[in-house]
């Protein structure tokens, strides 16, 4: 469950702030776009649209890789949070069931 939900959860900055890990991802994308422009400098004069596409593509890949690495780093935290949540729900349901069982038995 955690592995399936982690990519979605890591994009919710308010719910899972992950300090210091997610903030570098946009900068990584800008850096990759600059590297692409430097590598394909001959396209800048001839085909600006191709250069822009290559920059956007490489930037998107860099940001996605950065976010995936962030998710991997924080996956144990997600796992513990999911285990605590499931444990708490099970405990509350058990207490509710035990309370109903005591209320139905006649007092002796």
N, C-alpha and C. Protein backbone atom coordinates (compact mmCIF):
# COMPACT_ATOMS: atom_id res chain seq x y z
N UNK A 1 0.83 -1.19 0.00
CA UNK A 1 0.00 0.00 0.00
C UNK A 1 0.87 1.25 0.00
N UNK A 2 1.89 1.23 0.84
CA UNK A 2 2.76 2.41 0.95
C UNK A 2 3.49 2.67 -0.36
N UNK A 3 3.98 1.63 -0.99
CA UNK A 3 4.71 1.81 -2.24
C UNK A 3 3.79 2.37 -3.32
N UNK A 4 2.54 1.97 -3.31
CA UNK A 4 1.59 2.48 -4.31
C UNK A 4 1.22 3.93 -4.04
N UNK A 5 1.10 4.31 -2.78
CA UNK A 5 0.68 5.67 -2.45
C UNK A 5 1.83 6.67 -2.37
N UNK A 6 3.05 6.22 -2.18
CA UNK A 6 4.17 7.13 -1.96
C UNK A 6 4.35 8.15 -3.08
N UNK A 7 4.31 7.79 -4.35
CA UNK A 7 4.48 8.82 -5.38
C UNK A 7 3.42 9.91 -5.32
N UNK A 8 2.21 9.56 -4.96
CA UNK A 8 1.16 10.56 -4.84
C UNK A 8 1.39 11.43 -3.60
N UNK A 9 1.74 10.79 -2.50
CA UNK A 9 1.91 11.53 -1.25
C UNK A 9 3.07 12.51 -1.29
N UNK A 10 4.13 12.17 -1.99
CA UNK A 10 5.30 13.02 -2.00
C UNK A 10 5.05 14.35 -2.70
N UNK A 11 3.99 14.47 -3.47
CA UNK A 11 3.68 15.72 -4.13
C UNK A 11 2.85 16.67 -3.26
N UNK A 12 2.34 16.18 -2.14
CA UNK A 12 1.56 17.02 -1.25
C UNK A 12 2.48 17.68 -0.23
N UNK A 13 2.94 18.88 -0.54
CA UNK A 13 3.93 19.55 0.30
C UNK A 13 3.39 19.86 1.69
N UNK A 14 2.12 20.16 1.81
CA UNK A 14 1.57 20.48 3.14
C UNK A 14 1.45 19.24 4.02
N UNK A 15 1.06 18.13 3.43
CA UNK A 15 0.86 16.91 4.19
C UNK A 15 2.18 16.25 4.54
N UNK A 16 3.10 16.20 3.59
CA UNK A 16 4.41 15.60 3.79
C UNK A 16 5.48 16.58 3.33
N UNK A 17 5.93 17.48 4.22
CA UNK A 17 6.85 18.54 3.81
C UNK A 17 8.23 18.05 3.35
N UNK A 18 8.74 16.96 3.88
CA UNK A 18 10.05 16.42 3.53
C UNK A 18 11.09 17.53 3.43
N UNK A 19 11.43 18.17 4.55
CA UNK A 19 12.31 19.34 4.51
C UNK A 19 13.68 19.02 3.91
N UNK A 20 14.11 19.91 3.04
CA UNK A 20 15.43 19.82 2.46
C UNK A 20 15.60 18.83 1.32
N UNK A 21 14.61 18.02 1.01
CA UNK A 21 14.79 17.04 -0.05
C UNK A 21 14.07 17.44 -1.33
N UNK A 22 12.87 17.92 -1.24
CA UNK A 22 12.09 18.25 -2.42
C UNK A 22 12.49 19.60 -3.02
N UNK A 23 13.01 20.51 -2.22
CA UNK A 23 13.27 21.87 -2.67
C UNK A 23 14.33 21.94 -3.78
N UNK A 24 15.22 20.97 -3.86
CA UNK A 24 16.25 21.00 -4.88
C UNK A 24 15.82 20.48 -6.23
N UNK A 25 14.65 19.88 -6.32
CA UNK A 25 14.22 19.27 -7.59
C UNK A 25 14.02 20.28 -8.72
N UNK A 26 13.35 21.42 -8.50
CA UNK A 26 13.22 22.38 -9.61
C UNK A 26 14.57 22.92 -10.08
N UNK A 27 15.50 23.13 -9.15
CA UNK A 27 16.84 23.59 -9.54
C UNK A 27 17.54 22.54 -10.38
N UNK A 28 17.32 21.28 -10.06
CA UNK A 28 17.91 20.19 -10.85
C UNK A 28 17.35 20.23 -12.27
N UNK A 29 16.08 20.53 -12.42
CA UNK A 29 15.47 20.64 -13.74
C UNK A 29 16.05 21.79 -14.55
N UNK A 30 16.24 22.94 -13.89
CA UNK A 30 16.84 24.09 -14.59
C UNK A 30 18.27 23.78 -15.02
N UNK A 31 19.02 23.12 -14.14
CA UNK A 31 20.40 22.75 -14.46
C UNK A 31 20.45 21.81 -15.67
N UNK A 32 19.55 20.84 -15.70
CA UNK A 32 19.52 19.89 -16.81
C UNK A 32 19.14 20.60 -18.11
N UNK A 33 18.26 21.60 -18.04
CA UNK A 33 17.90 22.36 -19.24
C UNK A 33 19.10 23.13 -19.77
N UNK A 34 19.90 23.69 -18.87
CA UNK A 34 21.11 24.40 -19.29
C UNK A 34 22.13 23.43 -19.91
N UNK A 35 22.27 22.25 -19.32
CA UNK A 35 23.18 21.25 -19.89
C UNK A 35 22.73 20.84 -21.29
N UNK A 36 21.43 20.70 -21.47
CA UNK A 36 20.90 20.33 -22.78
C UNK A 36 21.17 21.42 -23.80
N UNK A 37 21.00 22.68 -23.38
CA UNK A 37 21.26 23.79 -24.30
C UNK A 37 22.74 23.82 -24.69
N UNK A 38 23.61 23.57 -23.72
CA UNK A 38 25.04 23.56 -24.03
C UNK A 38 25.40 22.39 -24.95
N UNK A 39 24.78 21.24 -24.73
CA UNK A 39 25.08 20.07 -25.55
C UNK A 39 24.54 20.21 -26.97
N UNK A 40 23.43 20.91 -27.11
CA UNK A 40 22.79 21.06 -28.42
C UNK A 40 22.87 22.50 -28.91
N UNK A 41 23.96 23.15 -28.68
CA UNK A 41 24.09 24.57 -29.02
C UNK A 41 23.90 24.82 -30.51
N UNK A 42 24.24 23.86 -31.34
CA UNK A 42 24.08 24.07 -32.79
C UNK A 42 22.61 24.12 -33.21
N UNK A 43 21.69 23.59 -32.37
CA UNK A 43 20.26 23.66 -32.70
C UNK A 43 19.67 25.04 -32.39
N UNK A 44 20.31 25.80 -31.52
CA UNK A 44 19.75 27.08 -31.09
C UNK A 44 19.52 28.02 -32.27
N UNK A 45 20.46 28.03 -33.20
CA UNK A 45 20.32 28.93 -34.35
C UNK A 45 19.41 28.37 -35.43
N UNK A 46 19.34 27.04 -35.55
CA UNK A 46 18.59 26.43 -36.65
C UNK A 46 17.16 26.06 -36.28
N UNK A 47 16.99 25.43 -35.12
CA UNK A 47 15.65 24.95 -34.77
C UNK A 47 15.41 25.18 -33.27
N UNK A 48 14.89 26.34 -32.99
CA UNK A 48 14.62 26.70 -31.60
C UNK A 48 13.56 25.83 -30.95
N UNK A 49 12.60 25.36 -31.74
CA UNK A 49 11.53 24.51 -31.19
C UNK A 49 12.09 23.16 -30.75
N UNK A 50 13.01 22.60 -31.53
CA UNK A 50 13.63 21.33 -31.15
C UNK A 50 14.45 21.48 -29.89
N UNK A 51 15.17 22.59 -29.79
CA UNK A 51 15.96 22.85 -28.59
C UNK A 51 15.05 23.00 -27.37
N UNK A 52 13.96 23.73 -27.53
CA UNK A 52 13.02 23.92 -26.42
C UNK A 52 12.41 22.59 -26.00
N UNK A 53 12.08 21.75 -26.97
CA UNK A 53 11.52 20.42 -26.66
C UNK A 53 12.54 19.58 -25.91
N UNK A 54 13.77 19.56 -26.38
CA UNK A 54 14.82 18.78 -25.72
C UNK A 54 15.06 19.28 -24.30
N UNK A 55 15.05 20.59 -24.12
CA UNK A 55 15.24 21.16 -22.78
C UNK A 55 14.10 20.76 -21.86
N UNK A 56 12.87 20.90 -22.33
CA UNK A 56 11.71 20.55 -21.49
C UNK A 56 11.72 19.07 -21.15
N UNK A 57 12.08 18.24 -22.13
CA UNK A 57 12.11 16.80 -21.91
C UNK A 57 13.16 16.43 -20.87
N UNK A 58 14.36 16.92 -21.01
CA UNK A 58 15.44 16.60 -20.07
C UNK A 58 15.16 17.19 -18.69
N UNK A 59 14.59 18.38 -18.65
CA UNK A 59 14.25 19.01 -17.37
C UNK A 59 13.19 18.19 -16.65
N UNK A 60 12.18 17.74 -17.38
CA UNK A 60 11.12 16.92 -16.77
C UNK A 60 11.65 15.62 -16.22
N UNK A 61 12.55 14.98 -16.98
CA UNK A 61 13.16 13.74 -16.52
C UNK A 61 13.97 13.96 -15.24
N UNK A 62 14.72 15.06 -15.20
CA UNK A 62 15.55 15.34 -14.02
C UNK A 62 14.69 15.58 -12.79
N UNK A 63 13.60 16.33 -12.94
CA UNK A 63 12.70 16.58 -11.81
C UNK A 63 12.03 15.29 -11.36
N UNK A 64 11.59 14.47 -12.31
CA UNK A 64 10.95 13.20 -11.94
C UNK A 64 11.93 12.28 -11.21
N UNK A 65 13.17 12.23 -11.68
CA UNK A 65 14.17 11.41 -11.00
C UNK A 65 14.44 11.92 -9.60
N UNK A 66 14.49 13.23 -9.45
CA UNK A 66 14.72 13.83 -8.14
C UNK A 66 13.57 13.49 -7.18
N UNK A 67 12.33 13.61 -7.67
CA UNK A 67 11.18 13.30 -6.83
C UNK A 67 11.13 11.80 -6.49
N UNK A 68 11.53 10.96 -7.42
CA UNK A 68 11.57 9.53 -7.15
C UNK A 68 12.61 9.21 -6.08
N UNK A 69 13.75 9.87 -6.15
CA UNK A 69 14.77 9.67 -5.12
C UNK A 69 14.28 10.15 -3.76
N UNK A 70 13.54 11.26 -3.76
CA UNK A 70 12.97 11.78 -2.52
C UNK A 70 11.99 10.77 -1.93
N UNK A 71 11.17 10.19 -2.78
CA UNK A 71 10.21 9.19 -2.31
C UNK A 71 10.93 8.00 -1.71
N UNK A 72 11.99 7.56 -2.37
CA UNK A 72 12.75 6.42 -1.87
C UNK A 72 13.36 6.72 -0.51
N UNK A 73 13.86 7.94 -0.34
CA UNK A 73 14.44 8.31 0.95
C UNK A 73 13.40 8.32 2.06
N UNK A 74 12.20 8.74 1.74
CA UNK A 74 11.17 8.89 2.76
C UNK A 74 10.23 7.69 2.86
N UNK A 75 10.44 6.65 2.06
CA UNK A 75 9.56 5.48 2.08
C UNK A 75 9.47 4.83 3.46
N UNK A 76 10.56 4.70 4.22
CA UNK A 76 10.41 4.14 5.58
C UNK A 76 9.49 4.96 6.47
N UNK A 77 9.51 6.27 6.31
CA UNK A 77 8.61 7.13 7.10
C UNK A 77 7.17 6.86 6.72
N UNK A 78 6.90 6.74 5.42
CA UNK A 78 5.55 6.42 4.97
C UNK A 78 5.11 5.07 5.52
N UNK A 79 6.02 4.09 5.51
CA UNK A 79 5.70 2.76 6.01
C UNK A 79 5.35 2.77 7.48
N UNK A 80 6.12 3.48 8.28
CA UNK A 80 5.84 3.58 9.72
C UNK A 80 4.52 4.29 9.94
N UNK A 81 4.28 5.36 9.21
CA UNK A 81 3.01 6.09 9.36
C UNK A 81 1.82 5.22 9.00
N UNK A 82 1.94 4.44 7.93
CA UNK A 82 0.84 3.54 7.55
C UNK A 82 0.64 2.47 8.61
N UNK A 83 1.72 1.92 9.16
CA UNK A 83 1.61 0.88 10.20
C UNK A 83 0.96 1.44 11.45
N UNK A 84 1.33 2.65 11.86
CA UNK A 84 0.73 3.28 13.04
C UNK A 84 -0.75 3.54 12.80
N UNK A 85 -1.09 4.01 11.61
CA UNK A 85 -2.50 4.29 11.30
C UNK A 85 -3.33 3.00 11.32
N UNK A 86 -2.83 1.94 10.70
CA UNK A 86 -3.56 0.67 10.69
C UNK A 86 -3.67 0.11 12.10
N UNK A 87 -2.60 0.21 12.87
CA UNK A 87 -2.64 -0.26 14.26
C UNK A 87 -3.63 0.51 15.10
N UNK A 88 -3.68 1.82 14.93
CA UNK A 88 -4.62 2.64 15.69
C UNK A 88 -6.07 2.31 15.34
N UNK A 89 -6.33 2.14 14.06
CA UNK A 89 -7.70 1.79 13.63
C UNK A 89 -8.09 0.42 14.19
N UNK A 90 -7.18 -0.54 14.13
CA UNK A 90 -7.48 -1.88 14.67
C UNK A 90 -7.72 -1.82 16.18
N UNK A 91 -6.94 -1.03 16.89
CA UNK A 91 -7.11 -0.91 18.34
C UNK A 91 -8.46 -0.28 18.67
N UNK A 92 -8.82 0.79 17.97
CA UNK A 92 -10.10 1.47 18.22
C UNK A 92 -11.26 0.53 17.92
N UNK A 93 -11.19 -0.21 16.82
CA UNK A 93 -12.27 -1.16 16.50
C UNK A 93 -12.36 -2.27 17.54
N UNK A 94 -11.22 -2.74 18.02
CA UNK A 94 -11.21 -3.78 19.04
C UNK A 94 -11.82 -3.27 20.33
N UNK A 95 -11.49 -2.05 20.71
CA UNK A 95 -12.06 -1.45 21.93
C UNK A 95 -13.57 -1.27 21.78
N UNK A 96 -14.00 -0.86 20.60
CA UNK A 96 -15.44 -0.66 20.37
C UNK A 96 -16.17 -1.99 20.43
N UNK A 97 -15.58 -3.03 19.86
CA UNK A 97 -16.19 -4.36 19.92
C UNK A 97 -16.23 -4.88 21.35
N UNK A 98 -15.18 -4.69 22.09
CA UNK A 98 -15.13 -5.15 23.48
C UNK A 98 -16.16 -4.40 24.32
N UNK A 99 -16.33 -3.11 24.04
CA UNK A 99 -17.34 -2.32 24.77
C UNK A 99 -18.74 -2.79 24.48
N UNK A 100 -19.03 -3.14 23.25
CA UNK A 100 -20.37 -3.65 22.91
C UNK A 100 -20.61 -5.00 23.53
N UNK A 101 -19.59 -5.83 23.58
CA UNK A 101 -19.73 -7.17 24.18
C UNK A 101 -20.01 -7.09 25.67
N UNK A 102 -19.38 -6.14 26.37
CA UNK A 102 -19.61 -5.97 27.81
C UNK A 102 -21.01 -5.42 28.09
N UNK A 103 -21.49 -4.56 27.22
CA UNK A 103 -22.80 -3.96 27.44
C UNK A 103 -23.91 -4.98 27.25
N UNK A 104 -23.72 -6.02 26.46
CA UNK A 104 -24.77 -6.99 26.19
C UNK A 104 -24.83 -8.09 27.24
N UNK A 105 -23.78 -8.34 27.94
CA UNK A 105 -23.80 -9.41 28.95
C UNK A 105 -24.55 -8.92 30.18
N UNK A 106 -25.43 -9.76 30.75
CA UNK A 106 -26.17 -9.33 31.94
C UNK A 106 -25.25 -9.25 33.15
N UNK A 107 -25.50 -8.27 33.97
CA UNK A 107 -24.69 -8.07 35.18
C UNK A 107 -25.07 -9.14 36.19
N UNK A 108 -24.08 -9.73 36.83
CA UNK A 108 -24.33 -10.88 37.65
C UNK A 108 -24.41 -10.63 39.06
